[in-house]
């Protein structure tokens, strides 16, 4: 083989190696992009799960607050009713005492 043929073979070999390296780089780039895509999908799914869990927790907290409010309102209504009953009983006693005093005063 002469020099020109060796040079041609050498450059061909270099081109083949460079092409193989470039293809390996492209495969690596694709692999990295695919991994990032999978990671992004994973983080998106984690975010969705977190949002759903927070929503469920907030719903439960709202239900618990509503129950506590109901119990408190019920207790207040009962206290008001008891106070009203007490006022009614007091008013009845006063009316009864008034009648008694009127009867006594008429003697």
C-alpha atoms as a PDB file:
ATOM      1  CA  UNK A   1       0.000   0.000   0.000  1.00  0.00           C
ATOM      2  CA  UNK A   2       1.211   3.398  -0.811  1.00  0.00           C
ATOM      3  CA  UNK A   3       1.067   6.488   1.323  1.00  0.00           C
ATOM      4  CA  UNK A   4      -2.029   7.883  -0.323  1.00  0.00           C
ATOM      5  CA  UNK A   5      -3.999   4.698   0.268  1.00  0.00           C
ATOM      6  CA  UNK A   6      -2.804   4.548   3.893  1.00  0.00           C
ATOM      7  CA  UNK A   7      -3.801   8.158   4.402  1.00  0.00           C
ATOM      8  CA  UNK A   8      -7.222   7.438   2.897  1.00  0.00           C
ATOM      9  CA  UNK A   9      -7.665   4.379   5.112  1.00  0.00           C
ATOM     10  CA  UNK A  10      -6.530   6.346   8.140  1.00  0.00           C
ATOM     11  CA  UNK A  11      -9.033   9.150   7.476  1.00  0.00           C
ATOM     12  CA  UNK A  12     -11.768   6.629   6.773  1.00  0.00           C
ATOM     13  CA  UNK A  13     -11.009   4.940  10.094  1.00  0.00           C
ATOM     14  CA  UNK A  14     -11.055   8.318  11.863  1.00  0.00           C
ATOM     15  CA  UNK A  15     -14.386   9.179  10.223  1.00  0.00           C
ATOM     16  CA  UNK A  16     -15.848   5.834  11.298  1.00  0.00           C
ATOM     17  CA  UNK A  17     -14.619   6.315  14.876  1.00  0.00           C
ATOM     18  CA  UNK A  18     -15.914   9.904  14.948  1.00  0.00           C
ATOM     19  CA  UNK A  19     -19.246   8.717  13.580  1.00  0.00           C
ATOM     20  CA  UNK A  20     -19.421   5.944  16.195  1.00  0.00           C
ATOM     21  CA  UNK A  21     -18.539   8.458  18.939  1.00  0.00           C
ATOM     22  CA  UNK A  22     -21.194  10.874  17.698  1.00  0.00           C
ATOM     23  CA  UNK A  23     -23.802   8.100  17.618  1.00  0.00           C
ATOM     24  CA  UNK A  24     -22.826   7.101  21.171  1.00  0.00           C
ATOM     25  CA  UNK A  25     -23.165  10.744  22.266  1.00  0.00           C
ATOM     26  CA  UNK A  26     -26.596  10.964  20.661  1.00  0.00           C
ATOM     27  CA  UNK A  27     -27.699   7.730  22.345  1.00  0.00           C
ATOM     28  CA  UNK A  28     -26.437   9.053  25.670  1.00  0.00           C
ATOM     29  CA  UNK A  29     -28.259  12.348  25.089  1.00  0.00           C
ATOM     30  CA  UNK A  30     -31.462  10.428  24.286  1.00  0.00           C
ATOM     31  CA  UNK A  31     -31.003   8.264  27.397  1.00  0.00           C
ATOM     32  CA  UNK A  32     -30.546  11.330  29.581  1.00  0.00           C
ATOM     33  CA  UNK A  33     -33.606  12.991  28.022  1.00  0.00           C
ATOM     34  CA  UNK A  34     -35.653   9.826  28.591  1.00  0.00           C
ATOM     35  CA  UNK A  35     -34.516   9.625  32.236  1.00  0.00           C
ATOM     36  CA  UNK A  36     -35.410  13.282  32.764  1.00  0.00           C
ATOM     37  CA  UNK A  37     -38.796  12.663  31.213  1.00  0.00           C
ATOM     38  CA  UNK A  38     -39.374   9.717  33.558  1.00  0.00           C
ATOM     39  CA  UNK A  39     -38.214  11.791  36.544  1.00  0.00           C
ATOM     40  CA  UNK A  40     -40.517  14.633  35.527  1.00  0.00           C
ATOM     41  CA  UNK A  41     -43.404  12.182  35.233  1.00  0.00           C
ATOM     42  CA  UNK A  42     -42.532  10.726  38.642  1.00  0.00           C
ATOM     43  CA  UNK A  43     -42.403  14.173  40.282  1.00  0.00           C
ATOM     44  CA  UNK A  44     -45.669  15.111  38.571  1.00  0.00           C
ATOM     45  CA  UNK A  45     -47.319  11.987  39.994  1.00  0.00           C
ATOM     46  CA  UNK A  46     -45.907  12.778  43.449  1.00  0.00           C
ATOM     47  CA  UNK A  47     -47.250  16.323  43.161  1.00  0.00           C
ATOM     48  CA  UNK A  48     -50.698  15.030  42.183  1.00  0.00           C
ATOM     49  CA  UNK A  49     -50.680  12.598  45.102  1.00  0.00           C
ATOM     50  CA  UNK A  50     -49.644  15.426  47.437  1.00  0.00           C
ATOM     51  CA  UNK A  51     -52.411  17.694  46.136  1.00  0.00           C
ATOM     52  CA  UNK A  52     -54.996  14.928  46.522  1.00  0.00           C
ATOM     53  CA  UNK A  53     -53.784  14.116  50.046  1.00  0.00           C
ATOM     54  CA  UNK A  54     -53.910  17.793  51.013  1.00  0.00           C
ATOM     55  CA  UNK A  55     -57.410  18.075  49.569  1.00  0.00           C
ATOM     56  CA  UNK A  56     -58.582  15.002  51.527  1.00  0.00           C
ATOM     57  CA  UNK A  57     -56.954  16.350  54.703  1.00  0.00           C
ATOM     58  CA  UNK A  58     -58.640  19.738  54.228  1.00  0.00           C
ATOM     59  CA  UNK A  59     -62.001  18.029  53.635  1.00  0.00           C
ATOM     60  CA  UNK A  60     -61.587  16.013  56.833  1.00  0.00           C
ATOM     61  CA  UNK A  61     -60.549  19.123  58.773  1.00  0.00           C
ATOM     62  CA  UNK A  62     -63.586  20.977  57.403  1.00  0.00           C
ATOM     63  CA  UNK A  63     -65.895  18.139  58.446  1.00  0.00           C
ATOM     64  CA  UNK A  64     -64.324  18.065  61.910  1.00  0.00           C
ATOM     65  CA  UNK A  65     -64.641  21.860  62.249  1.00  0.00           C
ATOM     66  CA  UNK A  66     -68.272  21.681  61.141  1.00  0.00           C
ATOM     67  CA  UNK A  67     -68.965  18.960  63.699  1.00  0.00           C
ATOM     68  CA  UNK A  68     -67.286  20.982  66.451  1.00  0.00           C
ATOM     69  CA  UNK A  69     -69.257  24.063  65.401  1.00  0.00           C
ATOM     70  CA  UNK A  70     -72.474  22.038  65.438  1.00  0.00           C
ATOM     71  CA  UNK A  71     -71.768  20.764  68.945  1.00  0.00           C
ATOM     72  CA  UNK A  72     -70.946  24.288  70.121  1.00  0.00           C
ATOM     73  CA  UNK A  73     -74.070  25.787  68.524  1.00  0.00           C
ATOM     74  CA  UNK A  74     -76.200  22.990  69.979  1.00  0.00           C
ATOM     75  CA  UNK A  75     -74.782  23.675  73.454  1.00  0.00           C
ATOM     76  CA  UNK A  76     -75.416  27.405  73.044  1.00  0.00           C
ATOM     77  CA  UNK A  77     -78.998  26.771  71.894  1.00  0.00           C
ATOM     78  CA  UNK A  78     -79.538  24.544  74.914  1.00  0.00           C
ATOM     79  CA  UNK A  79     -78.084  27.232  77.206  1.00  0.00           C
ATOM     80  CA  UNK A  80     -80.330  29.876  75.621  1.00  0.00           C
ATOM     81  CA  UNK A  81     -83.355  27.585  75.984  1.00  0.00           C
ATOM     82  CA  UNK A  82     -82.458  26.945  79.613  1.00  0.00           C
ATOM     83  CA  UNK A  83     -82.036  30.675  80.197  1.00  0.00           C
ATOM     84  CA  UNK A  84     -85.386  31.317  78.509  1.00  0.00           C
ATOM     85  CA  UNK A  85     -86.992  28.643  80.680  1.00  0.00           C
ATOM     86  CA  UNK A  86     -85.387  30.227  83.718  1.00  0.00           C
ATOM     87  CA  UNK A  87     -86.669  33.668  82.683  1.00  0.00           C
ATOM     88  CA  UNK A  88     -90.153  32.251  82.090  1.00  0.00           C
ATOM     89  CA  UNK A  89     -90.142  30.537  85.478  1.00  0.00           C
ATOM     90  CA  UNK A  90     -88.937  33.748  87.154  1.00  0.00           C
ATOM     91  CA  UNK A  91     -91.587  35.780  85.346  1.00  0.00           C
ATOM     92  CA  UNK A  92     -94.240  33.264  86.475  1.00  0.00           C
ATOM     93  CA  UNK A  93     -92.995  33.504  90.073  1.00  0.00           C
ATOM     94  CA  UNK A  94     -93.058  37.307  89.922  1.00  0.00           C
ATOM     95  CA  UNK A  95     -96.572  37.242  88.505  1.00  0.00           C
ATOM     96  CA  UNK A  96     -97.651  34.831  91.217  1.00  0.00           C
ATOM     97  CA  UNK A  97     -96.052  36.992  93.932  1.00  0.00           C
ATOM     98  CA  UNK A  98     -97.715  40.041  92.426  1.00  0.00           C
ATOM     99  CA  UNK A  99    -101.112  38.335  92.568  1.00  0.00           C
ATOM    100  CA  UNK A 100    -100.449  37.296  96.152  1.00  0.00           C
ATOM    101  CA  UNK A 101     -99.496  40.857  97.056  1.00  0.00           C
ATOM    102  CA  UNK A 102    -102.599  42.179  95.303  1.00  0.00           C
ATOM    103  CA  UNK A 103    -104.752  39.741  97.281  1.00  0.00           C
ATOM    104  CA  UNK A 104    -103.041  40.681 100.536  1.00  0.00           C
ATOM    105  CA  UNK A 105    -103.336  44.380  99.764  1.00  0.00           C
ATOM    106  CA  UNK A 106    -107.045  44.009  99.116  1.00  0.00           C
ATOM    107  CA  UNK A 107    -107.696  42.749 102.710  1.00  0.00           C
END
